Amino acid sequence: MRRLLMAEWRKLVGVRVLWGLLGLCVLANVALAAVYAGSEAPTIRAAGEVTRVIGTTVDDDAWQRFAAWYATREADGEDAAGERALAALAFAVESARDPFAGYDARSVGRRYATAVDGDADGADACGALSRLVRGKYELVETQAVRLSGVKAGLSLYAGEDTPSIHRGLCSTIIGGVTWEAIVAAVLAMALLLGMEHATGAEPMVMASLAGRRRVLAAKLTVGLATGVAGFVVLMAAALVPYVTLTDVTDLWASNVASGFNTMMTELAESQPFLTWADLTVGQYVALSMALSCAVVISFALLAGICGIYCRNSYAAVGLVAGLCLGLAAVLTICADNGWWGAYHLLSLNPMYALDVRARWFTDMGLKELVPWQETIAMTLSLLYLAAVLAVALRRGVHRDLS
């Protein structure tokens, strides 16, 4: 088996289009990280400096420590952007409030329940979806009490600029890398599975059932490993320069549910970034990368299924793209028209996780019916895609190639 794996790896190494794509993506990630770092570095560094002085929690004692430090520090006349950021953080430290203290999640849940299947006059909703929504927001209220107890809402994070910095890191950078890794994983898997068909060597390589089984298993293994390795390399190409240029690690210990971190919902109102667990920024980033890697693996599995059935590499890539674009379009249409029952019935696929990635691990408004729905959806997606791939592999082994 080791020889087969090495042989498939050598085949993949010879595919110039794949490595050219990865090289372009690495350069794009470095450039993207540099652009974001250039605009956000003053605020992040100022927030890190304040965090080292007062800690991550903004309470009365922290304000006193900050005021004493701020009054005695020497202003840096050459760093105007940094001084403006510190002034903004001074206001944030002074005005910080805990959004989870007395948070009335049940009333929020009632508004969402009415939006799901209530009437236009705002009558109490009584359908199955609305009951799930109200039940979820009862859990949200309990979680808000927990977060208030640990003063998560009083975490400084990056002050008033927290939403833009959080979206830039978790949605734009990590999200963009995820899409790049998806394309690379799908292309690698499809090229491996269609290589013998393209070169005319399929009748010879797949001559016996035992050999066919081992060859297909080796191709799938190398394809999955390449997808994961590509994700790691591309993520490193984006995060290493971003972290180096911004010193964002000083903010890792802040709570991601900071009162300064907000999100927009389907009701066009700003809500606290309430997470289902007490997570620091570093933990949230790590979980986001783990779930993103799971998304990449799921697309590699889907490409494996399409590659076994199509045999032609580019037809398999086109089929994967068509399925994903179709699912994305249907999910968007359902959300825009308020067809939430259909939306959630279609949520057990990787495109759902990508659709809600800006609000992962939070209550997510109308796009979530149960806690951790994006994680549950991805776990089930991986399981059924692996099962379908196993069936496809068995049929591929016994298929007539003439």
Protein backbone atom coordinates (compact mmCIF):
# COMPACT_ATOMS: atom_id res chain seq x y z
CA MET A 1 0.00 0.00 0.00
CA ARG A 2 2.89 2.34 0.76
CA ARG A 3 4.16 2.01 -2.81
CA LEU A 4 0.73 2.83 -4.17
CA LEU A 5 0.46 5.90 -1.96
CA MET A 6 3.87 7.13 -3.09
CA ALA A 7 2.97 6.46 -6.72
CA GLU A 8 -0.25 8.49 -6.41
CA TRP A 9 1.61 11.26 -4.64
CA ARG A 10 4.19 11.40 -7.45
CA LYS A 11 1.38 11.68 -9.98
CA LEU A 12 -0.08 14.61 -8.07
CA VAL A 13 3.31 16.30 -7.81
CA GLY A 14 3.47 16.35 -11.60
CA VAL A 15 0.19 18.27 -11.95
CA ARG A 16 1.39 21.82 -12.58
CA VAL A 17 -2.05 23.44 -12.53
CA LEU A 18 -2.59 22.37 -8.92
CA TRP A 19 0.73 23.69 -7.66
CA GLY A 20 0.34 26.86 -9.67
CA LEU A 21 -3.03 27.41 -8.03
CA LEU A 22 -1.59 26.80 -4.56
CA GLY A 23 1.29 29.18 -5.25
CA LEU A 24 -1.06 31.94 -6.37
CA CYS A 25 -3.23 31.37 -3.31
CA VAL A 26 -0.23 31.62 -0.98
CA LEU A 27 0.80 34.94 -2.56
CA ALA A 28 -2.80 36.20 -2.35
CA ASN A 29 -3.03 35.21 1.32
CA VAL A 30 0.18 37.01 2.21
CA ALA A 31 -1.04 40.12 0.38
CA LEU A 32 -4.48 39.94 2.01
CA ALA A 33 -2.95 39.55 5.46
CA ALA A 34 -0.64 42.49 4.84
CA VAL A 35 -3.53 44.72 3.71
CA TYR A 36 -5.64 43.88 6.75
CA ALA A 37 -2.69 44.16 9.09
CA GLY A 38 -1.83 47.60 7.71
CA SER A 39 -5.28 48.96 8.48
CA GLU A 40 -5.88 47.19 11.79
CA ALA A 41 -2.42 47.06 13.37
CA PRO A 42 -2.65 50.42 15.23
CA THR A 43 -5.92 49.45 16.95
CA ILE A 44 -4.80 45.89 17.72
CA ARG A 45 -1.47 47.01 19.15
CA ALA A 46 -3.14 49.71 21.23
CA ALA A 47 -5.69 47.19 22.53
CA GLY A 48 -2.87 44.78 23.35
CA GLU A 49 -1.02 47.51 25.23
CA VAL A 50 -4.11 48.38 27.24
CA THR A 51 -4.78 44.70 27.93
CA ARG A 52 -1.29 44.27 29.37
CA VAL A 53 -2.00 47.18 31.73
CA ILE A 54 -5.55 46.43 32.91
CA GLY A 55 -6.12 42.80 31.94
CA THR A 56 -8.90 41.56 29.68
CA THR A 57 -11.87 42.54 31.88
CA VAL A 58 -13.03 46.16 32.01
CA ASP A 59 -14.41 46.73 35.53
CA ASP A 60 -14.12 49.65 37.97
CA ASP A 61 -10.65 48.63 39.12
CA ALA A 62 -9.52 48.32 35.53
CA TRP A 63 -10.73 51.82 34.76
CA GLN A 64 -8.75 53.20 37.70
CA ARG A 65 -5.60 51.37 36.57
CA PHE A 66 -6.08 52.57 33.04
CA ALA A 67 -6.67 56.20 34.09
CA ALA A 68 -3.51 56.20 36.22
CA TRP A 69 -1.45 54.68 33.42
CA TYR A 70 -2.95 56.88 30.68
CA ALA A 71 -2.31 60.07 32.66
CA THR A 72 1.39 59.31 33.16
CA ARG A 73 2.36 57.79 29.79
CA GLU A 74 4.24 59.81 27.21
CA ALA A 75 2.39 60.33 23.94
CA ASP A 76 4.10 59.09 20.80
CA GLY A 77 3.99 62.02 18.43
CA GLU A 78 5.17 59.88 15.51
CA ASP A 79 2.31 57.37 15.83
CA ALA A 80 -0.83 59.40 15.27
CA ALA A 81 -2.93 56.36 14.38
CA GLY A 82 -1.87 54.62 17.59
CA GLU A 83 -2.71 57.67 19.68
CA ARG A 84 -6.16 57.90 18.12
CA ALA A 85 -6.70 54.23 18.82
CA LEU A 86 -5.69 54.69 22.46
CA ALA A 87 -8.06 57.63 22.81
CA ALA A 88 -10.90 55.51 21.43
CA LEU A 89 -9.98 52.70 23.82
CA ALA A 90 -10.01 55.15 26.73
CA PHE A 91 -13.63 55.96 25.92
CA ALA A 92 -14.41 52.24 25.53
CA VAL A 93 -12.89 51.38 28.91
CA GLU A 94 -14.85 54.16 30.60
CA SER A 95 -18.18 53.35 28.95
CA ALA A 96 -18.06 49.54 28.95
CA ARG A 97 -21.33 47.84 29.93
CA ASP A 98 -22.22 44.18 30.31
CA PRO A 99 -24.85 43.35 27.60
CA PHE A 100 -25.67 40.03 29.29
CA ALA A 101 -26.69 41.54 32.63
CA GLY A 102 -30.48 41.37 32.54
CA TYR A 103 -30.50 40.30 28.89
CA ASP A 104 -34.11 39.48 27.98
CA ALA A 105 -33.51 36.65 25.53
CA ARG A 106 -37.10 35.38 25.77
CA SER A 107 -38.50 38.56 24.23
CA VAL A 108 -35.93 38.27 21.45
CA GLY A 109 -37.04 34.67 20.97
CA ARG A 110 -40.68 35.72 20.73
CA ARG A 111 -39.85 38.18 17.94
CA TYR A 112 -37.95 35.48 16.07
CA ALA A 113 -40.74 32.96 16.62
CA THR A 114 -43.23 35.40 15.10
CA ALA A 115 -40.88 35.97 12.16
CA VAL A 116 -40.60 32.22 11.59
CA ASP A 117 -44.30 31.35 11.32
CA GLY A 118 -46.41 34.03 13.03
CA ASP A 119 -48.93 36.15 11.16
CA ALA A 120 -48.41 39.66 9.85
CA ASP A 121 -50.11 41.19 12.88
CA GLY A 122 -47.48 39.75 15.19
CA ALA A 123 -49.75 37.14 16.75
CA ASP A 124 -48.08 34.52 18.89
CA ALA A 125 -46.51 31.90 16.68
CA CYS A 126 -47.46 28.33 17.53
CA GLY A 127 -45.87 26.15 14.84
CA ALA A 128 -43.15 23.57 15.32
CA LEU A 129 -40.40 25.93 14.15
CA SER A 130 -41.51 28.69 16.48
CA ARG A 131 -41.52 26.30 19.43
CA LEU A 132 -37.96 25.32 18.59
CA VAL A 133 -36.96 28.97 18.33
CA ARG A 134 -38.54 29.86 21.69
CA GLY A 135 -36.91 26.84 23.30
CA LYS A 136 -33.54 27.88 21.89
CA TYR A 137 -33.86 31.37 23.33
CA GLU A 138 -34.70 29.96 26.73
CA LEU A 139 -31.28 28.30 26.53
CA VAL A 140 -29.82 31.60 25.30
CA GLU A 141 -31.12 33.33 28.42
CA THR A 142 -29.48 30.68 30.61
CA GLN A 143 -26.20 31.08 28.71
CA ALA A 144 -26.42 34.88 29.05
CA VAL A 145 -26.57 34.46 32.84
CA ARG A 146 -23.45 32.25 32.70
CA LEU A 147 -21.56 34.72 30.53
CA SER A 148 -22.57 37.59 32.80
CA GLY A 149 -21.31 35.60 35.78
CA VAL A 150 -17.81 35.35 34.28
CA LYS A 151 -17.93 38.98 33.07
CA ALA A 152 -17.55 37.91 29.44
CA GLY A 153 -19.45 40.97 28.24
CA LEU A 154 -16.96 43.26 30.02
CA SER A 155 -14.02 41.90 28.05
CA LEU A 156 -12.17 44.65 26.20
CA TYR A 157 -11.18 42.70 23.05
CA ALA A 158 -10.47 45.66 20.68
CA GLY A 159 -12.96 48.20 21.96
CA GLU A 160 -15.35 49.84 19.50
CA ASP A 161 -13.42 48.39 16.55
CA THR A 162 -14.01 44.82 17.74
CA PRO A 163 -16.70 43.87 15.14
CA SER A 164 -14.58 44.90 12.14
CA ILE A 165 -11.42 43.25 13.49
CA HIS A 166 -13.29 40.06 14.39
CA ARG A 167 -14.96 39.85 10.96
CA GLY A 168 -11.68 40.59 9.22
CA LEU A 169 -9.89 37.74 10.96
CA CYS A 170 -12.61 35.08 11.30
CA SER A 171 -14.75 35.74 8.21
CA THR A 172 -12.53 37.37 5.59
CA ILE A 173 -9.12 35.81 6.24
CA ILE A 174 -10.08 32.38 7.62
CA GLY A 175 -13.16 32.26 5.38
CA GLY A 176 -11.18 33.15 2.27
CA VAL A 177 -8.52 30.54 3.04
CA THR A 178 -11.27 27.95 3.49
CA TRP A 179 -12.59 28.59 -0.01
CA GLU A 180 -9.09 28.36 -1.47
CA ALA A 181 -8.49 25.07 0.31
CA ILE A 182 -11.86 23.74 -0.92
CA VAL A 183 -10.92 24.47 -4.54
CA ALA A 184 -7.49 22.87 -4.10
CA ALA A 185 -8.90 19.77 -2.36
CA VAL A 186 -11.62 19.22 -4.97
CA LEU A 187 -9.16 19.70 -7.82
CA ALA A 188 -6.58 17.34 -6.29
CA MET A 189 -9.13 14.59 -5.63
CA ALA A 190 -10.76 14.86 -9.07
CA LEU A 191 -7.41 14.91 -10.91
CA LEU A 192 -6.19 11.82 -9.05
CA LEU A 193 -9.35 9.83 -9.75
CA GLY A 194 -9.49 10.82 -13.42
CA MET A 195 -5.79 10.62 -14.28
CA GLU A 196 -5.79 7.08 -15.75
CA HIS A 197 -8.95 7.81 -17.75
CA ALA A 198 -7.33 10.94 -19.20
CA THR A 199 -4.08 9.15 -20.14
CA GLY A 200 -5.72 5.99 -21.47
CA ALA A 201 -4.05 3.81 -18.85
CA GLU A 202 -7.30 2.90 -17.06
CA PRO A 203 -7.77 -0.60 -18.59
CA MET A 204 -4.26 -1.62 -17.52
CA VAL A 205 -4.19 -0.04 -14.04
CA MET A 206 -7.71 -1.21 -13.17
CA ALA A 207 -7.35 -4.67 -14.70
CA SER A 208 -8.10 -6.69 -11.54
CA LEU A 209 -10.71 -6.20 -8.83
CA ALA A 210 -8.15 -6.43 -6.01
CA GLY A 211 -5.81 -3.98 -7.73
CA ARG A 212 -8.67 -1.63 -8.53
CA ARG A 213 -9.76 -1.59 -4.90
CA ARG A 214 -6.25 -0.79 -3.67
CA VAL A 215 -5.62 1.86 -6.32
CA LEU A 216 -8.89 3.68 -5.63
CA ALA A 217 -8.29 3.52 -1.87
CA ALA A 218 -4.80 4.99 -2.37
CA LYS A 219 -6.15 7.79 -4.55
CA LEU A 220 -8.80 8.70 -1.98
CA THR A 221 -6.25 8.65 0.84
CA VAL A 222 -3.79 10.88 -1.00
CA GLY A 223 -6.60 13.20 -2.10
CA LEU A 224 -7.88 13.67 1.46
CA ALA A 225 -4.37 14.14 2.84
CA THR A 226 -3.60 16.72 0.15
CA GLY A 227 -6.78 18.63 0.99
CA VAL A 228 -5.89 18.82 4.69
CA ALA A 229 -2.24 19.67 3.99
CA GLY A 230 -3.30 22.37 1.55
CA PHE A 231 -5.60 23.88 4.16
CA VAL A 232 -2.79 23.96 6.74
CA VAL A 233 -0.30 25.55 4.33
CA LEU A 234 -2.75 28.16 3.06
CA MET A 235 -3.91 29.01 6.57
CA ALA A 236 -0.31 29.43 7.72
CA ALA A 237 0.41 31.67 4.72
CA ALA A 238 -2.39 33.99 5.84
CA LEU A 239 -2.19 33.86 9.64
CA VAL A 240 1.57 33.98 10.16
CA PRO A 241 2.04 37.39 8.47
CA TYR A 242 -1.18 38.72 10.01
CA VAL A 243 -0.16 37.72 13.54
CA THR A 244 3.40 38.92 13.01
CA LEU A 245 2.39 42.34 11.70
CA THR A 246 -0.40 43.05 14.22
CA ASP A 247 0.69 41.34 17.48
CA VAL A 248 -2.91 40.11 17.71
CA THR A 249 -1.84 37.35 20.11
CA ASP A 250 -2.08 39.95 22.90
CA LEU A 251 -5.87 39.77 22.41
CA TRP A 252 -6.12 35.95 22.42
CA ALA A 253 -7.10 35.87 26.13
CA SER A 254 -10.03 38.30 25.67
CA ASN A 255 -13.51 36.81 25.62
CA VAL A 256 -15.01 36.62 22.14
CA ALA A 257 -18.45 37.39 23.65
CA SER A 258 -17.24 40.88 24.54
CA GLY A 259 -19.95 43.51 24.76
CA PHE A 260 -18.13 45.37 21.99
CA ASN A 261 -18.55 42.39 19.65
CA THR A 262 -21.94 42.46 17.95
CA MET A 263 -23.62 40.82 14.98
CA MET A 264 -26.48 41.74 12.66
CA THR A 265 -29.41 39.36 12.42
CA GLU A 266 -32.32 38.69 10.06
CA LEU A 267 -34.46 41.22 11.96
CA ALA A 268 -31.95 43.93 10.98
CA GLU A 269 -30.97 44.57 14.57
CA SER A 270 -27.65 44.35 16.35
CA GLN A 271 -27.30 41.61 18.97
CA PRO A 272 -24.55 40.60 21.40
CA PHE A 273 -22.14 37.99 20.08
CA LEU A 274 -23.44 35.37 22.50
CA THR A 275 -21.56 32.08 22.17
CA TRP A 276 -22.75 28.70 23.44
CA ALA A 277 -19.55 28.30 25.45
CA ASP A 278 -17.28 30.66 27.35
CA LEU A 279 -14.63 31.10 24.64
CA THR A 280 -11.57 33.29 24.46
CA VAL A 281 -10.63 34.83 21.12
CA GLY A 282 -7.84 32.29 20.72
CA GLN A 283 -10.19 29.39 21.41
CA TYR A 284 -12.77 30.78 18.98
CA VAL A 285 -10.15 31.12 16.23
CA ALA A 286 -8.95 27.56 16.87
CA LEU A 287 -12.50 26.17 16.74
CA SER A 288 -13.20 28.15 13.56
CA MET A 289 -10.12 26.68 11.90
CA ALA A 290 -11.08 23.16 13.02
CA LEU A 291 -14.60 23.50 11.62
CA SER A 292 -13.20 25.06 8.44
CA CYS A 293 -10.91 22.05 8.02
CA ALA A 294 -13.96 19.78 8.44
CA VAL A 295 -15.67 21.73 5.64
CA VAL A 296 -12.65 21.19 3.38
CA ILE A 297 -12.66 17.45 4.15
CA SER A 298 -16.38 17.24 3.35
CA PHE A 299 -15.81 18.81 -0.07
CA ALA A 300 -12.92 16.42 -0.71
CA LEU A 301 -15.26 13.51 0.10
CA LEU A 302 -17.88 14.93 -2.27
CA ALA A 303 -15.23 15.27 -4.98
CA GLY A 304 -14.25 11.65 -4.35
CA ILE A 305 -17.84 10.51 -4.91
CA CYS A 306 -18.19 12.55 -8.09
CA GLY A 307 -14.75 11.46 -9.34
CA ILE A 308 -15.51 7.76 -8.95
CA TYR A 309 -18.79 8.07 -10.85
CA CYS A 310 -17.67 10.57 -13.52
CA ARG A 311 -14.12 9.27 -14.19
CA ASN A 312 -13.43 12.53 -16.08
CA SER A 313 -11.62 14.96 -13.76
CA TYR A 314 -13.08 18.18 -15.08
CA ALA A 315 -16.59 16.74 -15.29
CA ALA A 316 -16.25 15.80 -11.61
CA VAL A 317 -15.08 19.32 -10.70
CA GLY A 318 -17.97 20.79 -12.67
CA LEU A 319 -20.46 18.49 -10.93
CA VAL A 320 -19.16 19.48 -7.47
CA ALA A 321 -19.31 23.17 -8.42
CA GLY A 322 -22.83 22.79 -9.77
CA LEU A 323 -24.07 21.01 -6.64
CA CYS A 324 -22.52 23.62 -4.35
CA LEU A 325 -23.76 26.63 -6.31
CA GLY A 326 -27.21 25.08 -6.52
CA LEU A 327 -27.35 24.46 -2.77
CA ALA A 328 -26.06 27.97 -2.04
CA ALA A 329 -28.70 29.48 -4.33
CA VAL A 330 -31.52 27.45 -2.77
CA LEU A 331 -30.43 28.37 0.77
CA THR A 332 -30.26 32.05 -0.17
CA ILE A 333 -33.70 31.97 -1.81
CA CYS A 334 -35.23 30.22 1.21
CA ALA A 335 -33.71 32.74 3.65
CA ASP A 336 -34.67 35.77 1.54
CA ASN A 337 -38.28 34.59 1.23
CA GLY A 338 -38.65 33.49 4.85
CA TRP A 339 -39.03 29.79 3.99
CA TRP A 340 -37.28 28.75 7.18
CA GLY A 341 -38.69 25.23 7.27
CA ALA A 342 -37.15 24.45 3.89
CA TYR A 343 -33.95 26.27 4.85
CA HIS A 344 -33.39 24.09 7.91
CA LEU A 345 -34.35 20.90 6.10
CA LEU A 346 -31.53 21.70 3.67
CA SER A 347 -29.04 22.64 6.37
CA LEU A 348 -27.38 19.22 6.61
CA ASN A 349 -24.70 20.04 4.07
CA PRO A 350 -21.38 21.91 4.04
CA MET A 351 -22.83 24.93 2.22
CA TYR A 352 -24.98 25.70 5.26
CA ALA A 353 -21.88 25.95 7.44
CA LEU A 354 -20.31 28.34 4.92
CA ASP A 355 -23.50 30.39 4.75
CA VAL A 356 -23.49 31.09 8.51
CA ARG A 357 -19.75 31.21 9.14
CA ALA A 358 -19.78 34.85 10.34
CA ARG A 359 -21.89 33.70 13.33
CA TRP A 360 -20.44 30.29 14.11
CA PHE A 361 -20.97 29.02 17.66
CA THR A 362 -23.54 31.74 18.49
CA ASP A 363 -27.36 31.70 18.58
CA MET A 364 -27.36 32.82 14.89
CA GLY A 365 -30.88 34.25 14.90
CA LEU A 366 -33.28 32.52 12.52
CA LYS A 367 -30.56 30.43 10.89
CA GLU A 368 -30.24 28.10 13.86
CA LEU A 369 -32.89 26.05 15.64
CA VAL A 370 -30.71 24.20 18.15
CA PRO A 371 -27.41 25.10 19.85
CA TRP A 372 -24.25 24.27 17.86
CA GLN A 373 -26.32 23.57 14.75
CA GLU A 374 -23.45 24.34 12.36
CA THR A 375 -21.24 21.82 14.20
CA ILE A 376 -23.97 19.18 14.23
CA ALA A 377 -24.67 19.76 10.54
CA MET A 378 -21.00 19.37 9.63
CA THR A 379 -20.59 16.22 11.75
CA LEU A 380 -23.59 14.59 10.08
CA SER A 381 -22.41 15.79 6.66
CA LEU A 382 -19.04 14.12 7.16
CA LEU A 383 -20.71 10.89 8.27
CA TYR A 384 -23.16 10.58 5.38
CA LEU A 385 -20.60 11.71 2.77
CA ALA A 386 -18.15 9.09 4.07
CA ALA A 387 -20.92 6.47 3.88
CA VAL A 388 -21.85 7.45 0.31
CA LEU A 389 -18.15 7.42 -0.66
CA ALA A 390 -17.82 3.89 0.74
CA VAL A 391 -20.79 2.79 -1.40
CA ALA A 392 -19.35 4.57 -4.45
CA LEU A 393 -15.99 2.89 -3.86
CA ARG A 394 -17.59 -0.55 -3.74
CA ARG A 395 -19.52 0.10 -6.96
CA GLY A 396 -16.45 1.60 -8.60
CA VAL A 397 -14.48 -1.54 -7.86
CA HIS A 398 -17.08 -3.72 -9.64
CA ARG A 399 -17.92 -1.30 -12.47
CA ASP A 400 -17.41 -2.28 -16.11
CA LEU A 401 -14.85 0.19 -17.53
CA SER A 402 -15.34 -0.77 -21.18
